[in-house]
Amino acid sequence: MAKRERRVGYGWPTLLAIGVHVAALLLTIIKWPASEPEPTSSSVVQATLVRAETATDQPQQTEESAPAASQAEEQTPDEPPAPDTNEEAPSEPDETSVPEVSDTAVEQARAEAQRLQEEAERAAQARAEAEAERQRQQEEAERQAEAERQRQQEEAERQAEAERKRQQEEAERQAEAERKRQQEEAERQAEAERKRQQEEAERQAEAERKRQQEEAERQAEAERKRQQEEAEAARQRELAERAAQANASSLESMISEEQQSIANAEQAREAANGFKNLVRRYVEQSWNLPPSASRQLRAIVRIQLLPTGELVGATITQSSGDAAFDRSVINAVERAAPFREMSELDASVQRQFREFNLDFNPEDIR
């Protein structure tokens, strides 16, 4: 805000000057004792002008009182000289001239008072105009200060709004980045879980395949033992029957027949083993292993033959778990057939090979 100007008071000096002029006017009107001669009009005017100057109003009234004094001095020579009759009696004052001098002084005092009042009014008006100008400047400064404050406030609000939008956009960008990161992390975890489940399923399938393979081998071994036990039981029954028949024949005949039976059985067993090995060798020669086959694969195929050795059918009874490996075994059996050597076997041996199983494993191929 603008600095407040120091106000200079002119009210009291003006009133004091007016009071001094009124007092001087009263002094000129009052008649004093006749022992002293009455002053002339010029002296009265000069006394009035001198007494109007006060100590408090001297800086402002010096220039104003100077023209008044010079005017009074100019008026003095123009006054008409006193008549000759007065010169003869100087000790007696002229009473008729006193009212005239008093009226002139009164008029001059009134004019001076009027002038001083007008000067005071002009000074007061100037002070009022100065005060109005000061107040206008103060209001202008306050208006400009208010406009500057409002501009700064609007600028601060604009910057605050821009900062708020920037922070909001930054928060949205970070939220979007976090959402993408979480989505990618979820997809990565889902992919890892899928791979883990796939590997677990493959591991369980491999374990199940091995279990089924072991179970098939166990069952095949049990079947082989059962067949051997049945063959041995049949042989024992046959021996018992022959022993019963030997009770009616001679001991030598019975011993000879037993030996012949044992020799025939041994020969039949050797022929059966030889035919089975022959079939395996023919099939292995016609077997083309697939590139994906490993040494751990194993398949059991059931072969059905006619007495002439022709192939009736070949089926997988125990799968290796590899479809290509199983198809290669079936193709090898079909390419190796027919097996003409079967017609050379005895009828009892042919019955054993009308339907039999073969075990195929890449490790057995030499």
Protein backbone atom coordinates (compact mmCIF):
# COMPACT_ATOMS: atom_id res chain seq x y z
CA MET A 1 0.00 0.00 0.00
CA ALA A 2 1.07 3.58 -0.65
CA LYS A 3 2.63 5.47 2.22
CA ARG A 4 0.15 7.75 3.97
CA GLU A 5 1.03 11.43 3.60
CA ARG A 6 1.36 13.57 6.69
CA ARG A 7 -1.53 15.96 6.99
CA VAL A 8 -0.74 19.64 7.75
CA GLY A 9 -3.45 21.45 9.76
CA TYR A 10 -4.48 24.94 8.66
CA GLY A 11 -7.72 25.27 10.61
CA TRP A 12 -6.38 26.69 13.83
CA PRO A 13 -3.97 29.25 12.26
CA THR A 14 -6.80 30.51 10.03
CA LEU A 15 -9.18 30.97 12.94
CA LEU A 16 -6.45 32.69 14.94
CA ALA A 17 -5.73 35.13 12.11
CA ILE A 18 -9.44 35.95 11.78
CA GLY A 19 -9.64 36.54 15.52
CA VAL A 20 -6.66 38.90 15.41
CA HIS A 21 -8.27 40.92 12.61
CA VAL A 22 -11.56 41.19 14.50
CA ALA A 23 -9.70 42.34 17.61
CA ALA A 24 -7.85 45.00 15.57
CA LEU A 25 -11.15 46.19 14.14
CA LEU A 26 -12.66 46.55 17.59
CA LEU A 27 -9.66 48.51 18.77
CA THR A 28 -10.11 51.03 15.96
CA ILE A 29 -13.78 51.50 16.75
CA ILE A 30 -13.35 52.09 20.47
CA LYS A 31 -12.67 55.80 21.40
CA TRP A 32 -9.94 56.34 23.91
CA PRO A 33 -9.59 59.51 26.15
CA ALA A 34 -8.89 62.80 24.29
CA SER A 35 -5.55 63.38 26.03
CA GLU A 36 -3.85 61.77 23.08
CA PRO A 37 -4.50 62.58 19.46
CA GLU A 38 -6.33 59.98 17.40
CA PRO A 39 -4.19 58.14 14.96
CA THR A 40 -4.58 58.76 11.28
CA SER A 41 -6.14 56.31 8.93
CA SER A 42 -2.81 55.31 7.56
CA SER A 43 -1.49 54.42 10.98
CA VAL A 44 -4.60 52.42 11.73
CA VAL A 45 -4.24 50.41 8.56
CA GLN A 46 -0.58 49.77 9.18
CA ALA A 47 -1.26 48.68 12.72
CA THR A 48 -3.94 46.32 11.54
CA LEU A 49 -1.70 44.74 8.95
CA VAL A 50 1.12 44.29 11.39
CA ARG A 51 -1.09 42.73 14.06
CA ALA A 52 -2.60 40.33 11.49
CA GLU A 53 0.70 38.55 11.08
CA THR A 54 0.96 35.72 13.56
CA ALA A 55 3.85 33.47 14.36
CA THR A 56 2.03 30.26 13.39
CA ASP A 57 0.72 31.62 10.07
CA GLN A 58 3.76 33.66 9.08
CA PRO A 59 5.07 31.34 6.29
CA GLN A 60 1.70 31.47 4.51
CA GLN A 61 0.77 35.14 5.18
CA THR A 62 4.08 36.87 4.35
CA GLU A 63 3.39 37.17 0.66
CA GLU A 64 -0.28 38.05 1.24
CA SER A 65 0.42 40.82 3.78
CA ALA A 66 3.11 42.45 1.63
CA PRO A 67 0.71 43.53 -1.18
CA ALA A 68 -1.78 44.74 1.40
CA ALA A 69 0.85 46.93 3.09
CA SER A 70 2.04 48.39 -0.20
CA GLN A 71 -1.56 49.13 -1.15
CA ALA A 72 -2.08 50.95 2.12
CA GLU A 73 1.07 52.99 1.55
CA GLU A 74 -0.07 53.94 -1.93
CA GLN A 75 -3.39 55.14 -0.61
CA THR A 76 -1.78 57.46 1.95
CA PRO A 77 -0.38 60.12 -0.44
CA ASP A 78 -3.71 60.36 -2.29
CA GLU A 79 -5.58 61.55 0.79
CA PRO A 80 -6.45 65.28 0.68
CA PRO A 81 -4.51 67.57 2.96
CA ALA A 82 -6.09 68.89 6.11
CA PRO A 83 -7.78 72.28 5.87
CA ASP A 84 -5.92 75.40 7.04
CA THR A 85 -8.22 75.91 9.93
CA ASN A 86 -6.90 72.77 11.46
CA GLU A 87 -3.38 74.02 11.31
CA GLU A 88 -4.29 76.94 13.55
CA ALA A 89 -5.57 74.67 16.22
CA PRO A 90 -3.49 71.47 16.05
CA SER A 91 -4.13 70.59 19.64
CA GLU A 92 -7.84 69.93 18.99
CA PRO A 93 -8.55 66.89 16.94
CA ASP A 94 -11.19 66.85 14.26
CA GLU A 95 -13.99 64.72 15.55
CA THR A 96 -15.75 64.56 12.20
CA SER A 97 -12.85 62.67 10.55
CA VAL A 98 -12.86 59.80 13.01
CA PRO A 99 -15.98 58.05 11.71
CA GLU A 100 -14.70 58.18 8.16
CA VAL A 101 -11.37 56.63 9.09
CA SER A 102 -13.11 53.96 11.16
CA ASP A 103 -15.43 52.96 8.32
CA THR A 104 -12.51 52.58 5.94
CA ALA A 105 -10.63 50.45 8.41
CA VAL A 106 -13.71 48.34 8.99
CA GLU A 107 -14.18 47.82 5.27
CA GLN A 108 -10.50 46.94 4.84
CA ALA A 109 -10.65 44.56 7.79
CA ARG A 110 -13.75 42.96 6.37
CA ALA A 111 -12.14 42.66 2.96
CA GLU A 112 -9.00 41.22 4.53
CA ALA A 113 -11.08 38.81 6.58
CA GLN A 114 -13.04 37.86 3.47
CA ARG A 115 -9.81 37.35 1.56
CA LEU A 116 -8.32 35.27 4.33
CA GLN A 117 -11.49 33.22 4.53
CA GLU A 118 -11.40 32.66 0.78
CA GLU A 119 -7.75 31.72 1.02
CA ALA A 120 -8.59 29.34 3.82
CA GLU A 121 -11.42 27.86 1.77
CA ARG A 122 -9.14 27.50 -1.23
CA ALA A 123 -6.51 25.88 0.99
CA ALA A 124 -9.16 23.60 2.45
CA GLN A 125 -10.38 22.76 -1.06
CA ALA A 126 -6.79 22.08 -2.13
CA ARG A 127 -6.33 19.89 0.89
CA ALA A 128 -9.60 18.10 0.09
CA GLU A 129 -8.49 17.59 -3.51
CA ALA A 130 -5.08 16.38 -2.31
CA GLU A 131 -6.81 14.05 0.14
CA ALA A 132 -9.12 12.84 -2.64
CA GLU A 133 -6.10 12.30 -4.94
CA ARG A 134 -4.28 10.51 -2.14
CA GLN A 135 -7.34 8.36 -1.47
CA ARG A 136 -7.72 7.70 -5.22
CA GLN A 137 -4.05 6.68 -5.47
CA GLN A 138 -4.46 4.54 -2.37
CA GLU A 139 -7.57 2.88 -3.83
CA GLU A 140 -5.76 2.41 -7.16
CA ALA A 141 -2.81 0.84 -5.33
CA GLU A 142 -5.19 -1.38 -3.36
CA ARG A 143 -7.04 -2.30 -6.58
CA GLN A 144 -3.76 -3.17 -8.30
CA ALA A 145 -2.63 -5.10 -5.22
CA GLU A 146 -5.96 -6.97 -5.16
CA ALA A 147 -5.67 -7.67 -8.90
CA GLU A 148 -2.08 -8.91 -8.41
CA ARG A 149 -3.17 -11.06 -5.48
CA GLN A 150 -6.05 -12.50 -7.51
CA ARG A 151 -3.71 -13.11 -10.47
CA GLN A 152 -1.20 -14.86 -8.21
CA GLN A 153 -4.02 -16.88 -6.66
CA GLU A 154 -5.31 -17.90 -10.11
CA GLU A 155 -1.76 -18.75 -11.21
CA ALA A 156 -1.27 -20.82 -8.07
CA GLU A 157 -4.61 -22.59 -8.66
CA ARG A 158 -3.68 -23.21 -12.31
CA GLN A 159 -0.32 -24.65 -11.30
CA ALA A 160 -1.98 -26.72 -8.57
CA GLU A 161 -4.52 -28.06 -11.11
CA ALA A 162 -1.73 -28.85 -13.57
CA GLU A 163 0.23 -30.61 -10.81
CA ARG A 164 -2.88 -32.54 -9.77
CA LYS A 165 -3.48 -33.67 -13.37
CA ARG A 166 0.19 -34.62 -13.73
CA GLN A 167 0.09 -36.64 -10.52
CA GLN A 168 -3.19 -38.26 -11.62
CA GLU A 169 -1.73 -39.18 -15.02
CA GLU A 170 1.43 -40.50 -13.33
CA ALA A 171 -0.67 -42.56 -10.92
CA GLU A 172 -2.74 -43.95 -13.83
CA ARG A 173 0.44 -44.77 -15.76
CA GLN A 174 1.94 -46.55 -12.77
CA ALA A 175 -1.34 -48.40 -12.16
CA GLU A 176 -1.43 -49.53 -15.82
CA ALA A 177 2.19 -50.66 -15.63
CA GLU A 178 1.47 -52.56 -12.39
CA ARG A 179 -1.61 -54.17 -13.98
CA LYS A 180 0.44 -55.30 -16.99
CA ARG A 181 3.18 -56.60 -14.71
CA GLN A 182 0.69 -58.56 -12.61
CA GLN A 183 -0.97 -59.91 -15.78
CA GLU A 184 2.40 -61.01 -17.20
CA GLU A 185 3.32 -62.53 -13.84
CA ALA A 186 -0.01 -64.40 -13.73
CA GLU A 187 0.50 -65.66 -17.30
CA ARG A 188 4.04 -66.74 -16.46
CA GLN A 189 2.88 -68.59 -13.36
CA ALA A 190 0.00 -70.18 -15.32
CA GLU A 191 2.43 -71.33 -18.03
CA ALA A 192 4.80 -72.72 -15.40
CA GLU A 193 1.89 -74.50 -13.70
CA ARG A 194 0.73 -75.91 -17.05
CA LYS A 195 4.22 -77.22 -17.81
CA ARG A 196 4.49 -78.67 -14.31
CA GLN A 197 1.13 -80.43 -14.66
CA GLN A 198 2.10 -81.69 -18.11
CA GLU A 199 5.41 -83.05 -16.80
CA GLU A 200 3.61 -84.57 -13.83
CA ALA A 201 1.06 -86.20 -16.15
CA GLU A 202 3.86 -87.54 -18.36
CA ARG A 203 5.71 -88.84 -15.30
CA GLN A 204 2.57 -90.53 -14.01
CA ALA A 205 1.85 -91.97 -17.47
CA GLU A 206 5.40 -93.33 -17.68
CA ALA A 207 5.07 -94.81 -14.21
CA GLU A 208 1.72 -96.35 -15.15
CA ARG A 209 3.20 -97.76 -18.36
CA LYS A 210 6.09 -99.32 -16.46
CA ARG A 211 3.70 -100.71 -13.90
CA GLN A 212 1.51 -102.23 -16.60
CA GLN A 213 4.60 -103.63 -18.35
CA GLU A 214 5.86 -105.21 -15.12
CA GLU A 215 2.37 -106.52 -14.42
CA ALA A 216 2.21 -108.06 -17.93
CA GLU A 217 5.63 -109.62 -17.48
CA ARG A 218 4.57 -110.99 -14.13
CA GLN A 219 1.39 -112.39 -15.62
CA ALA A 220 3.29 -113.84 -18.59
CA GLU A 221 5.77 -115.46 -16.25
CA ALA A 222 2.93 -116.83 -14.14
CA GLU A 223 1.24 -118.14 -17.29
CA ARG A 224 4.44 -119.80 -18.43
CA LYS A 225 4.91 -121.45 -15.05
CA ARG A 226 1.29 -122.54 -15.06
CA GLN A 227 1.67 -124.09 -18.51
CA GLN A 228 4.85 -125.84 -17.38
CA GLU A 229 3.11 -127.12 -14.29
CA GLU A 230 0.17 -128.31 -16.36
CA ALA A 231 2.52 -130.02 -18.81
CA GLU A 232 4.34 -131.66 -15.92
CA ALA A 233 1.03 -132.74 -14.36
CA ALA A 234 -0.08 -134.19 -17.70
CA ARG A 235 3.19 -135.99 -18.02
CA GLN A 236 2.81 -137.33 -14.50
CA ARG A 237 -0.73 -138.45 -15.26
CA GLU A 238 0.47 -140.09 -18.42
CA LEU A 239 3.21 -141.81 -16.48
CA ALA A 240 0.68 -142.95 -13.93
CA GLU A 241 -1.53 -144.34 -16.63
CA ARG A 242 1.38 -146.05 -18.22
CA ALA A 243 2.45 -147.40 -14.86
CA ALA A 244 -1.03 -148.80 -14.39
CA GLN A 245 -0.85 -150.38 -17.78
CA ALA A 246 2.61 -151.71 -16.98
CA ASN A 247 1.11 -153.85 -14.25
CA ALA A 248 -0.26 -156.08 -16.97
CA SER A 249 2.86 -156.12 -19.11
CA SER A 250 6.37 -156.98 -18.41
CA LEU A 251 8.68 -154.66 -16.58
CA GLU A 252 11.03 -154.47 -19.49
CA SER A 253 8.32 -153.37 -21.88
CA MET A 254 7.24 -150.66 -19.45
CA ILE A 255 10.76 -149.37 -19.00
CA SER A 256 11.29 -149.33 -22.76
CA GLU A 257 8.09 -147.39 -23.35
CA GLU A 258 8.95 -144.89 -20.59
CA GLN A 259 12.28 -144.22 -22.08
CA GLN A 260 10.73 -143.81 -25.48
CA SER A 261 8.12 -141.45 -24.06
CA ILE A 262 10.77 -139.40 -22.33
CA ALA A 263 12.78 -139.27 -25.51
CA ASN A 264 9.71 -138.25 -27.49
CA ALA A 265 8.82 -135.56 -24.97
CA GLU A 266 12.34 -134.24 -24.96
CA GLN A 267 12.40 -134.29 -28.73
CA ALA A 268 9.05 -132.51 -28.89
CA ARG A 269 10.25 -129.89 -26.40
CA GLU A 270 13.40 -129.31 -28.37
CA ALA A 271 11.39 -129.05 -31.57
CA ALA A 272 9.01 -126.58 -29.93
CA ASN A 273 11.85 -124.45 -28.66
CA GLY A 274 13.51 -124.58 -32.00
CA PHE A 275 10.37 -123.51 -33.85
CA LYS A 276 9.74 -120.63 -31.45
CA ASN A 277 13.30 -119.44 -31.84
CA LEU A 278 12.95 -119.77 -35.58
CA VAL A 279 9.83 -117.61 -35.61
CA ARG A 280 11.55 -115.00 -33.40
CA ARG A 281 14.56 -114.91 -35.70
CA TYR A 282 12.39 -114.46 -38.81
CA VAL A 283 10.43 -111.66 -37.17
CA GLU A 284 13.56 -109.87 -35.91
CA GLN A 285 15.05 -110.02 -39.40
CA SER A 286 11.92 -108.34 -40.78
CA TRP A 287 11.71 -105.79 -37.93
CA ASN A 288 12.42 -102.15 -38.74
CA LEU A 289 12.77 -100.20 -35.50
CA PRO A 290 11.31 -96.64 -35.60
CA PRO A 291 13.76 -93.77 -34.89
CA SER A 292 11.93 -92.87 -31.67
CA ALA A 293 12.33 -96.40 -30.21
CA SER A 294 14.46 -96.67 -27.08
CA ARG A 295 16.10 -99.69 -25.48
CA GLN A 296 13.62 -99.61 -22.60
CA LEU A 297 10.53 -100.26 -24.77
CA ARG A 298 8.92 -103.69 -24.66
CA ALA A 299 5.82 -105.19 -26.31
CA ILE A 300 4.15 -108.64 -26.18
CA VAL A 301 2.37 -109.86 -29.34
CA ARG A 302 -0.01 -112.86 -29.61
CA ILE A 303 0.50 -114.86 -32.84
CA GLN A 304 -2.15 -117.23 -34.30
CA LEU A 305 -1.03 -119.78 -36.97
CA LEU A 306 -2.58 -122.49 -39.07
CA PRO A 307 -1.01 -125.99 -39.14
CA THR A 308 0.57 -125.00 -42.45
CA GLY A 309 2.37 -122.04 -40.78
CA GLU A 310 0.24 -119.31 -42.34
CA LEU A 311 -0.56 -116.28 -40.18
CA VAL A 312 -4.12 -115.95 -38.93
CA GLY A 313 -3.61 -112.79 -36.83
CA ALA A 314 -1.20 -110.84 -34.67
CA THR A 315 -2.38 -108.59 -31.79
CA ILE A 316 -0.62 -106.61 -29.08
CA THR A 317 -1.46 -108.00 -25.66
CA GLN A 318 0.85 -105.63 -23.80
CA SER A 319 1.61 -102.25 -25.35
CA SER A 320 4.96 -100.51 -25.08
CA GLY A 321 3.29 -97.12 -24.74
CA ASP A 322 4.74 -96.09 -28.11
CA ALA A 323 2.27 -96.50 -30.96
CA ALA A 324 5.01 -96.46 -33.62
CA PHE A 325 6.92 -99.20 -31.80
CA ASP A 326 3.79 -101.38 -31.53
CA ARG A 327 2.99 -100.96 -35.25
CA SER A 328 6.57 -101.92 -36.17
CA VAL A 329 6.21 -105.21 -34.23
CA ILE A 330 2.92 -106.11 -35.99
CA ASN A 331 4.43 -105.23 -39.39
CA ALA A 332 7.48 -107.41 -38.70
CA VAL A 333 5.30 -110.44 -37.84
CA GLU A 334 3.21 -109.95 -40.98
CA ARG A 335 6.29 -109.64 -43.20
CA ALA A 336 7.97 -112.75 -41.65
CA ALA A 337 4.89 -115.04 -42.19
CA PRO A 338 4.20 -117.74 -43.32
CA PHE A 339 6.24 -120.10 -41.18
CA ARG A 340 6.40 -123.28 -43.29
CA GLU A 341 8.52 -125.16 -40.75
CA MET A 342 5.41 -125.64 -38.60
CA SER A 343 4.11 -128.30 -41.00
CA GLU A 344 7.15 -130.43 -40.19
CA LEU A 345 6.31 -130.62 -36.50
CA ASP A 346 4.37 -133.39 -34.84
CA ALA A 347 0.67 -132.88 -34.31
CA SER A 348 1.17 -132.56 -30.55
CA VAL A 349 3.78 -129.82 -31.04
CA GLN A 350 1.67 -128.06 -33.66
CA ARG A 351 -1.13 -127.71 -31.10
CA GLN A 352 1.21 -125.70 -28.86
CA PHE A 353 1.96 -123.18 -31.62
CA ARG A 354 -1.49 -122.66 -32.97
CA GLU A 355 -1.51 -119.62 -30.61
CA PHE A 356 1.48 -118.34 -28.63
CA ASN A 357 3.09 -115.09 -27.37
CA LEU A 358 6.36 -113.45 -28.35
CA ASP A 359 8.16 -110.80 -26.29
CA PHE A 360 9.88 -108.04 -28.30
CA ASN A 361 12.56 -105.76 -26.84
CA PRO A 362 15.21 -103.84 -28.85
CA GLU A 363 17.89 -105.09 -26.43
CA ASP A 364 17.22 -108.71 -27.53
CA ILE A 365 18.15 -107.98 -31.16
CA ARG A 366 21.67 -109.13 -31.92
